[in-house]
Amino acid sequence: MAVIVGVLLLVVLLIFILQNQDSVTVHFLGTSSTLPLAVALLLSVVGGAVLVAVLGVARILQLRRRVRKTGTRRHKA
């Protein structure tokens, strides 16, 4: 089932890229670049996903450290 969903997402992504080939100028941190609209949007999504993943991992590590430090763990009743 996961393979089918992955293939469908890939097809939708390819259609999106093929339909959004217009070039746009992107300005970021004092630099500018011209690239296709779909690529700019995909880079934004990937960057956001990486940021969320890094923050999530940092939070999980913080909570694990707190549990180890206080020694509190949930016990089954």
Protein backbone atom coordinates (compact mmCIF):
# COMPACT_ATOMS: atom_id res chain seq x y z
CA MET A 1 0.00 0.00 0.00
CA ALA A 2 2.82 2.42 0.86
CA VAL A 3 4.44 1.83 -2.55
CA ILE A 4 1.19 2.70 -4.33
CA VAL A 5 0.82 5.92 -2.30
CA GLY A 6 4.47 6.78 -2.99
CA VAL A 7 4.05 6.25 -6.73
CA LEU A 8 0.88 8.37 -6.79
CA LEU A 9 2.65 11.18 -4.92
CA LEU A 10 5.55 10.96 -7.36
CA VAL A 11 3.19 11.25 -10.34
CA VAL A 12 1.45 14.28 -8.78
CA LEU A 13 4.84 15.85 -8.08
CA LEU A 14 6.01 15.31 -11.66
CA ILE A 15 2.80 16.84 -13.03
CA PHE A 16 3.29 19.82 -10.71
CA ILE A 17 6.87 20.33 -11.90
CA LEU A 18 5.96 20.03 -15.56
CA GLN A 19 3.10 22.53 -15.24
CA ASN A 20 5.17 25.16 -13.37
CA GLN A 21 8.20 25.74 -15.56
CA ASP A 22 8.00 29.57 -15.56
CA SER A 23 11.22 31.13 -14.29
CA VAL A 24 11.12 33.28 -11.19
CA THR A 25 13.78 35.31 -9.43
CA VAL A 26 14.35 34.29 -5.83
CA HIS A 27 16.10 36.64 -3.40
CA PHE A 28 17.55 35.06 -0.25
CA LEU A 29 20.16 36.37 2.20
CA GLY A 30 21.45 39.01 -0.16
CA THR A 31 21.73 36.70 -3.17
CA SER A 32 19.38 36.22 -6.06
CA SER A 33 18.87 33.40 -8.47
CA THR A 34 16.54 32.56 -11.33
CA LEU A 35 14.99 29.12 -11.34
CA PRO A 36 11.73 27.41 -12.30
CA LEU A 37 8.79 28.15 -10.02
CA ALA A 38 8.26 24.46 -9.17
CA VAL A 39 11.89 24.07 -8.10
CA ALA A 40 11.67 27.17 -5.89
CA LEU A 41 8.52 25.87 -4.21
CA LEU A 42 9.95 22.39 -3.75
CA LEU A 43 13.13 23.79 -2.21
CA SER A 44 10.97 25.80 0.20
CA VAL A 45 8.98 22.72 1.19
CA VAL A 46 12.09 20.61 1.68
CA GLY A 47 13.73 23.36 3.73
CA GLY A 48 10.64 23.64 5.92
CA ALA A 49 10.49 19.88 6.40
CA VAL A 50 14.16 19.75 7.41
CA LEU A 51 13.62 22.60 9.87
CA VAL A 52 10.62 20.86 11.46
CA ALA A 53 12.54 17.57 11.66
CA VAL A 54 15.55 19.21 13.33
CA LEU A 55 13.35 21.02 15.86
CA GLY A 56 11.42 17.82 16.56
CA VAL A 57 14.59 15.83 17.18
CA ALA A 58 15.91 18.58 19.45
CA ARG A 59 12.68 18.54 21.48
CA ILE A 60 12.70 14.74 21.79
CA LEU A 61 16.31 14.79 23.00
CA GLN A 62 15.43 17.54 25.48
CA LEU A 63 12.54 15.50 26.89
CA ARG A 64 14.65 12.33 27.10
CA ARG A 65 17.34 14.21 29.04
CA ARG A 66 14.71 15.57 31.42
CA VAL A 67 13.28 12.10 32.05
CA ARG A 68 16.76 10.68 32.70
CA LYS A 69 17.64 13.59 34.99
CA THR A 70 14.48 13.44 37.11
CA GLY A 71 14.14 9.67 36.92
CA THR A 72 10.41 9.91 36.35
CA ARG A 73 8.96 7.29 34.14
CA ARG A 74 5.36 6.26 33.68
CA HIS A 75 4.49 2.99 35.33
CA LYS A 76 1.59 0.80 34.30
CA ALA A 77 -1.18 0.79 36.87
